[in-house]
Amino acid sequence: MTTSIRVLAVAFVAVVAAYFGAMLLVQRSVRVIDTDAARISRDAAPDIRVISNLRAELREMHARVIEAIEGDDEARDEVEESRRSVDSLLAQAGALPTDEREAVLLGKLRSALPAFEQAAERALEQARAGHRDRARQTVRRELRPLGDAASLVAQDLVDYNVVVAESAAQRIEAVRYRGSRIAWQLATLCALLAAVAAFATVRVMRQVQRVQQQHNALMQRKAEELEEFAARVAHDILSPLSSVSMALSVIQRHPGQSREALDRAHASLSRVRGIVDGLFEFARAGAAPEAGARTEVRAVATGLVEELRPFAAQRQAILRIDDLPDCAVACSPGVLLSVLGNLLRNGLKYLGKAETRQVLLRARRRRGRVLFEVEDTGPGIPAQLGTRIFEPYIRGPDTGAPGLGLGLATVKRLVESHRGSLGVRAGARGGALFWFELDEASAADDASQPEHLRTA
């Protein structure tokens, strides 16, 4: 079993290492792809769009200057509009990210555009002065060559950005291909390691199941023996109890008998009855829960606390209860009474020599369940006991309190048989804090129950 666990641990570490290796590779590839994708989407593509629009606007401006020279008055206004568009597009190009090569080409374009616009303005001035032939010559000899020169620089900018975009796209393709290939290799490695881990897990689980089955069989035998023992002892003790009680009553009716002896007899009788009740309760705790049972929390808890106040007063303790939620749990009233009663009596019995002597009960709803907490101000549970405190016949050292140590074992059986959970930890006030959870009963459960099961 040790070898299988070691193989499982090595395989698990290897799978984790392969996973993180794949994650690092993916992250590095993602960074490269993000950088190149940003270069395409935020630099190259916008540059291509803006410069292409600028070239088109230059051609449009050239055509409108020619139309204005030939006497189209509306074309004059459109020339001015084209000039503003060219300036706006040039400003947009300058605002985009640029490298050294783009900056040089953009500088050439900025130098070429003023000469083109000045030539257009001269041609328009000549046309307005009535010298159309001179204006046509200006368009032919100056405006067109300057426009072609600016258009060539713009074309160089477009071509450069196309090359940048293609290079980025090729890098993205290469990174994706390399990442995909390595990812498949790592996936294959992980699959092999997972197969090894699965094989080791199956072996470990089979061994664990065998051990667990043996343990369960042993525990089942112990539980059966314990239940038989509890029932037998309870039966043997209950028979003479009625006779003892009657004898004590007779003694009580005859004053000649010693009062001290009478008190001791009653005290002994109470202790015997407590032991018998614990045995019976523990024996019955393994029974299956009642289907569809429902119990109101506030009614049962409030009544139980009132019933236990004299018990608390005998121990010079205060039994307090917080505001309880208006809800119900999915168990019978007897089950909730038994669980809460055992925990509250346990808290009162084991306060020890604490100066502050209090036991507090509180409950709250939580995720479809009701959480109960019983906290005391006693010395707490010794660390060496832990959850063993819930085992039969386990009691704290030097308690001096009567009992067999079956109360908490009964609580554990009842809670777990109702699919609940429980535990113990150190309380905020220095004592022990016992808690348990039971499923909250729905309103539908209430409607389906007879009237005598809806209240405690």
Protein backbone atom coordinates (compact mmCIF):
# COMPACT_ATOMS: atom_id res chain seq x y z
CA MET A 1 0.00 0.00 0.00
CA THR A 2 2.91 2.36 0.79
CA THR A 3 4.42 1.80 -2.68
CA SER A 4 1.08 2.53 -4.37
CA ILE A 5 0.68 5.73 -2.38
CA ARG A 6 4.22 6.78 -3.31
CA VAL A 7 3.54 6.10 -7.00
CA LEU A 8 0.27 8.02 -6.73
CA ALA A 9 2.04 10.97 -5.10
CA VAL A 10 4.78 11.04 -7.78
CA ALA A 11 2.19 10.83 -10.56
CA PHE A 12 0.14 13.58 -8.95
CA VAL A 13 3.19 15.87 -8.65
CA ALA A 14 4.13 15.13 -12.26
CA VAL A 15 0.60 15.93 -13.48
CA VAL A 16 0.60 19.18 -11.51
CA ALA A 17 4.04 20.08 -12.89
CA ALA A 18 2.90 19.34 -16.44
CA TYR A 19 -0.22 21.39 -15.89
CA PHE A 20 1.69 24.41 -14.62
CA GLY A 21 4.24 24.00 -17.41
CA ALA A 22 1.41 24.08 -19.93
CA MET A 23 -0.06 27.13 -18.19
CA LEU A 24 3.29 28.99 -18.35
CA LEU A 25 3.64 28.10 -22.02
CA VAL A 26 0.12 29.26 -22.73
CA GLN A 27 0.70 32.51 -20.83
CA ARG A 28 3.89 33.24 -22.77
CA SER A 29 2.21 32.43 -26.07
CA VAL A 30 -0.76 34.58 -25.11
CA ARG A 31 1.54 37.51 -24.38
CA VAL A 32 3.22 37.19 -27.80
CA ILE A 33 -0.14 36.84 -29.54
CA ASP A 34 -1.62 39.76 -27.59
CA THR A 35 1.33 41.99 -28.50
CA ASP A 36 1.11 41.16 -32.21
CA ALA A 37 -2.68 41.32 -32.23
CA ALA A 38 -2.50 44.77 -30.61
CA ARG A 39 0.08 45.84 -33.21
CA ILE A 40 -2.36 44.81 -35.95
CA SER A 41 -5.57 46.11 -34.40
CA ARG A 42 -4.28 49.32 -32.79
CA ASP A 43 -1.44 50.34 -35.12
CA ALA A 44 -1.19 48.74 -38.57
CA ALA A 45 -4.90 48.41 -39.40
CA PRO A 46 -5.87 51.96 -38.26
CA ASP A 47 -2.85 53.39 -40.10
CA ILE A 48 -3.84 51.62 -43.29
CA ARG A 49 -7.41 52.86 -42.98
CA VAL A 50 -6.47 56.48 -42.17
CA ILE A 51 -3.72 56.80 -44.81
CA SER A 52 -5.90 55.13 -47.44
CA ASN A 53 -8.68 57.62 -46.67
CA LEU A 54 -6.13 60.45 -46.85
CA ARG A 55 -4.98 59.33 -50.32
CA ALA A 56 -8.56 59.15 -51.48
CA GLU A 57 -9.20 62.63 -50.06
CA LEU A 58 -6.16 63.99 -51.90
CA ARG A 59 -7.53 62.65 -55.17
CA GLU A 60 -10.94 64.08 -54.32
CA MET A 61 -9.42 67.48 -53.55
CA HIS A 62 -7.51 67.45 -56.83
CA ALA A 63 -10.73 66.71 -58.76
CA ARG A 64 -12.65 69.43 -56.91
CA VAL A 65 -9.95 72.03 -57.67
CA ILE A 66 -10.31 71.20 -61.36
CA GLU A 67 -14.11 71.51 -61.12
CA ALA A 68 -13.78 74.86 -59.32
CA ILE A 69 -11.46 76.20 -62.02
CA GLU A 70 -13.98 75.24 -64.66
CA GLY A 71 -16.60 77.40 -62.92
CA ASP A 72 -18.34 75.08 -60.47
CA ASP A 73 -19.00 77.39 -57.50
CA GLU A 74 -20.04 74.54 -55.18
CA ALA A 75 -16.70 72.85 -55.83
CA ARG A 76 -14.89 75.78 -54.19
CA ASP A 77 -16.60 75.05 -50.87
CA GLU A 78 -15.94 71.34 -51.31
CA VAL A 79 -12.20 72.05 -51.79
CA GLU A 80 -12.14 73.70 -48.39
CA GLU A 81 -14.01 70.77 -46.92
CA SER A 82 -11.47 68.37 -48.46
CA ARG A 83 -8.64 70.42 -47.00
CA ARG A 84 -10.13 70.12 -43.51
CA SER A 85 -10.59 66.36 -44.01
CA VAL A 86 -6.94 65.99 -45.08
CA ASP A 87 -5.78 67.90 -41.98
CA SER A 88 -8.03 65.79 -39.74
CA LEU A 89 -6.81 62.51 -41.22
CA LEU A 90 -3.20 63.63 -40.91
CA ALA A 91 -3.79 64.45 -37.23
CA GLN A 92 -5.37 61.00 -36.71
CA ALA A 93 -2.34 59.35 -38.32
CA GLY A 94 -0.02 61.30 -36.02
CA ALA A 95 -1.97 60.23 -32.93
CA LEU A 96 -1.53 56.51 -33.71
CA PRO A 97 1.46 54.53 -32.34
CA THR A 98 4.48 54.87 -34.65
CA ASP A 99 7.91 53.31 -34.90
CA GLU A 100 11.01 54.95 -36.36
CA ARG A 101 10.26 54.02 -39.98
CA GLU A 102 6.65 55.20 -39.74
CA ALA A 103 7.76 58.48 -38.16
CA VAL A 104 10.10 59.18 -41.12
CA LEU A 105 7.41 58.46 -43.71
CA LEU A 106 4.83 60.45 -41.77
CA GLY A 107 7.28 63.39 -41.68
CA LYS A 108 7.65 63.21 -45.46
CA LEU A 109 3.89 63.20 -45.86
CA ARG A 110 3.53 66.25 -43.61
CA SER A 111 6.17 68.03 -45.73
CA ALA A 112 4.48 67.13 -49.01
CA LEU A 113 0.94 68.18 -48.10
CA PRO A 114 1.50 71.95 -47.53
CA ALA A 115 3.04 72.35 -51.00
CA PHE A 116 0.08 70.49 -52.51
CA GLU A 117 -2.42 72.69 -50.65
CA GLN A 118 -0.54 75.89 -51.65
CA ALA A 119 -0.59 74.84 -55.30
CA ALA A 120 -4.35 74.20 -55.04
CA GLU A 121 -4.88 77.65 -53.48
CA ARG A 122 -2.83 79.34 -56.28
CA ALA A 123 -4.85 77.63 -58.97
CA LEU A 124 -8.10 78.73 -57.31
CA GLU A 125 -6.84 82.34 -56.97
CA GLN A 126 -5.87 82.41 -60.63
CA ALA A 127 -9.29 81.08 -61.59
CA ARG A 128 -11.03 83.71 -59.43
CA ALA A 129 -8.91 86.41 -61.16
CA GLY A 130 -10.16 85.19 -64.54
CA HIS A 131 -6.91 83.48 -65.58
CA ARG A 132 -8.27 80.00 -66.12
CA ASP A 133 -5.56 78.96 -68.55
CA ARG A 134 -2.88 79.85 -66.02
CA ALA A 135 -4.88 77.98 -63.39
CA ARG A 136 -5.03 74.91 -65.60
CA GLN A 137 -1.27 75.09 -66.14
CA THR A 138 -0.75 75.35 -62.36
CA VAL A 139 -2.89 72.25 -61.88
CA ARG A 140 -1.03 70.36 -64.58
CA ARG A 141 2.53 71.46 -63.73
CA GLU A 142 2.38 71.83 -59.94
CA LEU A 143 -0.76 70.44 -58.33
CA ARG A 144 -0.72 67.06 -60.02
CA PRO A 145 3.00 66.29 -59.42
CA LEU A 146 2.77 67.41 -55.81
CA GLY A 147 -0.38 65.30 -55.29
CA ASP A 148 1.32 62.29 -56.87
CA ALA A 149 4.35 62.75 -54.62
CA ALA A 150 2.18 62.95 -51.49
CA SER A 151 0.17 59.95 -52.67
CA LEU A 152 3.39 57.93 -53.17
CA VAL A 153 4.52 58.72 -49.62
CA ALA A 154 1.08 57.72 -48.35
CA GLN A 155 1.30 54.52 -50.38
CA ASP A 156 4.70 53.79 -48.79
CA LEU A 157 3.09 54.21 -45.39
CA VAL A 158 0.27 51.84 -46.34
CA ASP A 159 2.73 49.27 -47.73
CA TYR A 160 4.88 49.48 -44.59
CA ASN A 161 1.89 48.88 -42.33
CA VAL A 162 0.78 45.99 -44.53
CA VAL A 163 4.20 44.39 -44.05
CA VAL A 164 4.00 45.00 -40.28
CA ALA A 165 0.54 43.40 -40.14
CA GLU A 166 1.64 40.42 -42.22
CA SER A 167 4.71 39.86 -40.03
CA ALA A 168 2.60 40.03 -36.87
CA ALA A 169 0.06 37.61 -38.37
CA GLN A 170 2.85 35.18 -39.32
CA ARG A 171 4.28 35.35 -35.80
CA ILE A 172 0.82 34.68 -34.34
CA GLU A 173 0.40 31.69 -36.64
CA ALA A 174 3.85 30.34 -35.71
CA VAL A 175 3.23 30.79 -31.98
CA ARG A 176 -0.17 29.11 -32.22
CA TYR A 177 1.29 26.19 -34.15
CA ARG A 178 4.18 25.76 -31.72
CA GLY A 179 1.87 26.16 -28.72
CA SER A 180 -0.60 23.65 -30.14
CA ARG A 181 2.14 21.10 -30.77
CA ILE A 182 3.62 21.45 -27.27
CA ALA A 183 0.14 21.44 -25.74
CA TRP A 184 -0.61 18.11 -27.43
CA GLN A 185 2.67 16.72 -26.15
CA LEU A 186 1.91 17.88 -22.61
CA ALA A 187 -1.65 16.55 -22.90
CA THR A 188 -0.29 13.16 -23.92
CA LEU A 189 2.13 13.22 -21.00
CA CYS A 190 -0.66 14.20 -18.61
CA ALA A 191 -2.85 11.40 -19.96
CA LEU A 192 -0.09 8.85 -19.36
CA LEU A 193 0.56 10.19 -15.88
CA ALA A 194 -3.17 10.24 -15.16
CA ALA A 195 -3.39 6.59 -16.23
CA VAL A 196 -0.56 5.73 -13.84
CA ALA A 197 -2.27 7.75 -11.10
CA ALA A 198 -5.60 6.05 -11.80
CA PHE A 199 -3.99 2.63 -11.58
CA ALA A 200 -2.33 3.54 -8.29
CA THR A 201 -5.58 5.07 -7.02
CA VAL A 202 -7.53 1.92 -7.82
CA ARG A 203 -5.00 -0.17 -5.92
CA VAL A 204 -5.04 2.17 -2.94
CA MET A 205 -8.84 2.36 -2.95
CA ARG A 206 -9.17 -1.41 -3.01
CA GLN A 207 -6.80 -1.72 -0.09
CA VAL A 208 -8.62 1.05 1.76
CA GLN A 209 -11.97 -0.61 1.06
CA ARG A 210 -10.71 -3.89 2.46
CA VAL A 211 -9.46 -2.15 5.60
CA GLN A 212 -12.68 -0.17 5.85
CA GLN A 213 -14.83 -3.26 5.43
CA GLN A 214 -12.89 -4.98 8.17
CA HIS A 215 -13.22 -1.92 10.37
CA ASN A 216 -16.95 -1.59 9.65
CA ALA A 217 -17.51 -5.25 10.42
CA LEU A 218 -15.66 -4.85 13.70
CA MET A 219 -17.60 -1.70 14.58
CA GLN A 220 -20.88 -3.37 13.67
CA ARG A 221 -20.11 -6.27 15.96
CA LYS A 222 -19.19 -3.85 18.73
CA ALA A 223 -22.37 -1.86 18.18
CA GLU A 224 -24.52 -4.98 18.27
CA GLU A 225 -22.81 -6.18 21.41
CA LEU A 226 -23.19 -2.74 22.96
CA GLU A 227 -26.90 -2.56 22.16
CA GLU A 228 -27.45 -6.02 23.56
CA PHE A 229 -25.49 -5.07 26.65
CA ALA A 230 -27.48 -1.84 27.11
CA ALA A 231 -30.83 -3.56 26.72
CA ARG A 232 -29.82 -6.38 29.08
CA VAL A 233 -28.49 -4.07 31.77
CA ALA A 234 -31.52 -1.79 31.50
CA HIS A 235 -33.85 -4.76 31.84
CA ASP A 236 -31.96 -6.15 34.82
CA ILE A 237 -31.92 -2.83 36.68
CA LEU A 238 -35.45 -1.62 35.89
CA SER A 239 -37.06 -4.65 37.53
CA PRO A 240 -35.99 -3.89 41.13
CA LEU A 241 -36.29 -0.13 40.73
CA SER A 242 -40.01 -0.14 41.37
CA SER A 243 -39.44 -2.10 44.61
CA VAL A 244 -36.75 0.29 45.76
CA SER A 245 -39.01 3.24 45.03
CA MET A 246 -41.87 1.67 47.00
CA ALA A 247 -39.55 0.87 49.91
CA LEU A 248 -38.34 4.44 50.01
CA SER A 249 -41.91 5.69 50.02
CA VAL A 250 -42.74 3.42 52.97
CA ILE A 251 -39.69 4.66 54.86
CA GLN A 252 -40.70 8.21 54.10
CA ARG A 253 -44.15 7.58 55.61
CA HIS A 254 -42.59 6.31 58.87
CA PRO A 255 -40.81 9.14 60.65
CA GLY A 256 -38.94 6.72 62.81
CA GLN A 257 -36.51 6.01 60.04
CA SER A 258 -33.44 8.14 59.59
CA ARG A 259 -33.96 11.15 57.33
CA GLU A 260 -30.34 10.99 56.27
CA ALA A 261 -30.68 7.38 55.17
CA LEU A 262 -33.83 8.31 53.26
CA ASP A 263 -32.04 11.11 51.43
CA ARG A 264 -29.18 8.81 50.50
CA ALA A 265 -31.61 6.21 49.23
CA HIS A 266 -33.37 8.75 47.01
CA ALA A 267 -30.04 10.02 45.70
CA SER A 268 -28.95 6.45 44.88
CA LEU A 269 -32.27 5.81 43.17
CA SER A 270 -31.89 8.92 41.02
CA ARG A 271 -28.40 7.89 39.95
CA VAL A 272 -29.57 4.40 39.04
CA ARG A 273 -32.44 5.79 37.01
CA GLY A 274 -30.06 8.15 35.22
CA ILE A 275 -27.81 5.23 34.27
CA VAL A 276 -30.77 3.18 33.08
CA ASP A 277 -32.17 6.05 31.03
CA GLY A 278 -28.77 6.55 29.41
CA LEU A 279 -28.52 2.87 28.53
CA PHE A 280 -31.99 2.79 26.96
CA GLU A 281 -31.48 6.02 25.09
CA PHE A 282 -28.16 4.83 23.71
CA ALA A 283 -29.65 1.51 22.65
CA ARG A 284 -32.48 3.24 20.80
CA ALA A 285 -30.22 5.82 19.10
CA GLY A 286 -29.31 3.46 16.27
CA ALA A 287 -32.89 3.25 15.01
CA ALA A 288 -33.82 4.65 11.59
CA PRO A 289 -35.26 8.21 11.62
CA GLU A 290 -38.99 8.67 11.32
CA ALA A 291 -39.99 9.50 7.71
CA GLY A 292 -41.42 13.00 7.19
CA ALA A 293 -40.97 13.99 10.83
CA ARG A 294 -41.02 17.71 11.68
CA THR A 295 -40.38 19.54 14.93
CA GLU A 296 -40.63 23.24 15.74
CA VAL A 297 -37.30 24.41 17.14
CA ARG A 298 -38.49 27.26 19.34
CA ALA A 299 -41.23 25.31 21.11
CA VAL A 300 -39.05 22.29 21.95
CA ALA A 301 -35.98 24.28 22.97
CA THR A 302 -37.91 26.75 25.12
CA GLY A 303 -39.80 24.01 26.95
CA LEU A 304 -36.61 22.01 27.51
CA VAL A 305 -34.74 24.99 28.94
CA GLU A 306 -37.58 25.71 31.35
CA GLU A 307 -37.59 22.06 32.43
CA LEU A 308 -33.83 22.13 33.10
CA ARG A 309 -33.74 25.38 35.10
CA PRO A 310 -34.13 23.55 38.49
CA PHE A 311 -31.31 21.21 37.42
CA ALA A 312 -29.18 24.28 36.67
CA ALA A 313 -30.12 25.93 39.96
CA GLN A 314 -28.88 22.86 41.90
CA ARG A 315 -25.46 23.45 40.33
CA GLN A 316 -25.59 27.20 40.95
CA ALA A 317 -25.54 27.76 37.20
CA ILE A 318 -27.48 29.92 34.79
CA LEU A 319 -29.09 28.35 31.73
CA ARG A 320 -29.60 30.95 28.97
CA ILE A 321 -31.18 30.76 25.56
CA ASP A 322 -30.71 33.20 22.66
CA ASP A 323 -33.50 34.30 20.37
CA LEU A 324 -34.32 31.20 18.33
CA PRO A 325 -35.41 31.27 14.66
CA ASP A 326 -39.00 30.44 13.80
CA CYS A 327 -38.26 27.25 11.90
CA ALA A 328 -38.52 23.47 12.09
CA VAL A 329 -36.09 20.57 11.73
CA ALA A 330 -36.64 17.26 9.97
CA CYS A 331 -36.78 14.96 13.01
CA SER A 332 -39.26 13.90 15.65
CA PRO A 333 -39.70 15.98 18.83
CA GLY A 334 -38.22 13.16 20.90
CA VAL A 335 -35.01 13.18 18.88
CA LEU A 336 -34.50 16.92 19.26
CA LEU A 337 -35.35 16.72 22.98
CA SER A 338 -32.83 13.91 23.45
CA VAL A 339 -30.02 15.67 21.58
CA LEU A 340 -30.53 19.08 23.19
CA GLY A 341 -31.22 17.58 26.60
CA ASN A 342 -28.02 15.54 26.60
CA LEU A 343 -25.90 18.52 25.51
CA LEU A 344 -27.46 20.94 28.01
CA ARG A 345 -27.23 18.48 30.92
CA ASN A 346 -23.67 17.67 29.88
CA GLY A 347 -22.76 21.37 29.95
CA LEU A 348 -24.33 21.86 33.37
CA LYS A 349 -22.74 18.72 34.83
CA TYR A 350 -19.20 19.58 33.76
CA LEU A 351 -18.90 23.23 34.78
CA GLY A 352 -16.39 22.10 37.39
CA LYS A 353 -15.18 24.89 39.70
CA ALA A 354 -15.70 27.71 37.20
CA GLU A 355 -16.50 31.06 38.80
CA THR A 356 -18.78 32.06 35.92
CA ARG A 357 -21.28 29.23 35.64
CA GLN A 358 -23.38 29.56 32.52
CA VAL A 359 -24.63 27.35 29.71
CA LEU A 360 -25.92 29.05 26.54
CA LEU A 361 -28.13 27.58 23.81
CA ARG A 362 -28.41 29.29 20.44
CA ALA A 363 -29.57 28.30 16.95
CA ARG A 364 -29.63 29.82 13.50
CA ARG A 365 -30.62 28.83 9.96
CA ARG A 366 -27.83 28.16 7.49
CA ARG A 367 -28.01 26.91 3.86
CA GLY A 368 -31.08 24.72 4.28
CA ARG A 369 -30.05 23.50 7.73
CA VAL A 370 -30.44 24.63 11.32
CA LEU A 371 -27.23 25.00 13.34
CA PHE A 372 -27.48 24.49 17.12
CA GLU A 373 -24.70 25.50 19.53
CA VAL A 374 -24.41 24.72 23.26
CA GLU A 375 -21.59 26.64 24.93
CA ASP A 376 -20.51 26.48 28.58
CA THR A 377 -18.02 28.31 30.79
CA GLY A 378 -16.46 25.18 32.25
CA PRO A 379 -12.85 23.93 31.89
CA GLY A 380 -13.46 22.69 28.32
CA ILE A 381 -12.56 19.40 26.61
CA PRO A 382 -8.97 18.14 27.05
CA ALA A 383 -7.02 18.34 23.79
CA GLN A 384 -6.12 14.65 23.90
CA LEU A 385 -9.79 13.65 23.78
CA GLY A 386 -10.89 15.65 20.73
CA THR A 387 -13.76 13.99 18.87
CA ARG A 388 -13.24 10.80 20.90
CA ILE A 389 -15.51 12.46 23.44
CA PHE A 390 -18.42 11.23 21.28
CA GLU A 391 -17.41 7.57 21.66
CA PRO A 392 -19.26 5.34 24.17
CA TYR A 393 -17.89 5.24 27.74
CA ILE A 394 -15.40 8.06 27.04
CA ARG A 395 -15.45 10.65 29.82
CA GLY A 396 -13.24 13.56 30.77
CA PRO A 397 -10.65 13.03 33.53
CA ASP A 398 -11.51 13.85 37.14
CA THR A 399 -15.10 14.85 36.36
CA GLY A 400 -16.66 13.42 39.49
CA ALA A 401 -20.08 13.57 37.78
CA PRO A 402 -22.30 10.45 37.72
CA GLY A 403 -22.99 8.61 34.47
CA LEU A 404 -21.63 6.02 32.04
CA GLY A 405 -20.39 8.33 29.32
CA LEU A 406 -23.20 7.49 26.87
CA GLY A 407 -24.87 10.92 26.55
CA LEU A 408 -22.61 12.34 23.83
CA ALA A 409 -22.45 8.96 22.06
CA THR A 410 -26.26 9.03 21.94
CA VAL A 411 -26.18 12.56 20.50
CA LYS A 412 -23.75 11.42 17.79
CA ARG A 413 -25.92 8.43 16.83
CA LEU A 414 -29.11 10.44 16.66
CA VAL A 415 -27.62 13.33 14.65
CA GLU A 416 -25.79 11.12 12.15
CA SER A 417 -28.81 8.83 11.70
CA HIS A 418 -30.70 11.98 10.56
CA ARG A 419 -27.97 12.85 8.02
CA GLY A 420 -26.70 15.65 10.26
CA SER A 421 -23.22 16.66 11.38
CA LEU A 422 -21.77 17.57 14.75
CA GLY A 423 -18.53 18.52 16.48
CA VAL A 424 -16.90 20.24 19.44
CA ARG A 425 -14.41 23.07 19.77
CA ALA A 426 -13.20 25.57 22.34
CA GLY A 427 -15.77 28.28 23.02
CA ALA A 428 -15.11 32.00 23.08
CA ARG A 429 -15.62 32.05 26.86
CA GLY A 430 -13.02 29.36 27.60
CA GLY A 431 -15.34 26.38 27.92
CA ALA A 432 -16.55 23.77 25.43
CA LEU A 433 -18.82 24.54 22.47
CA PHE A 434 -20.80 21.58 21.14
CA TRP A 435 -22.59 22.08 17.80
CA PHE A 436 -24.78 20.02 15.50
CA GLU A 437 -26.74 20.61 12.30
CA LEU A 438 -30.03 19.06 11.15
CA ASP A 439 -31.91 19.53 7.90
CA GLU A 440 -34.53 22.24 8.02
CA ALA A 441 -38.05 20.93 7.41
CA SER A 442 -39.98 22.57 4.59
CA ALA A 443 -43.54 23.85 4.76
CA ALA A 444 -44.61 20.96 2.53
CA ASP A 445 -43.43 18.53 5.21
CA ASP A 446 -45.63 20.30 7.74
CA ALA A 447 -48.73 20.07 5.60
CA SER A 448 -48.25 16.35 5.10
CA GLN A 449 -47.97 15.49 8.81
CA PRO A 450 -50.76 14.72 11.25
CA GLU A 451 -51.52 17.40 13.82
CA HIS A 452 -49.84 15.54 16.70
CA LEU A 453 -46.47 15.56 14.84
CA ARG A 454 -46.46 19.29 14.04
CA THR A 455 -45.76 20.41 17.59
CA ALA A 456 -43.31 19.32 20.23
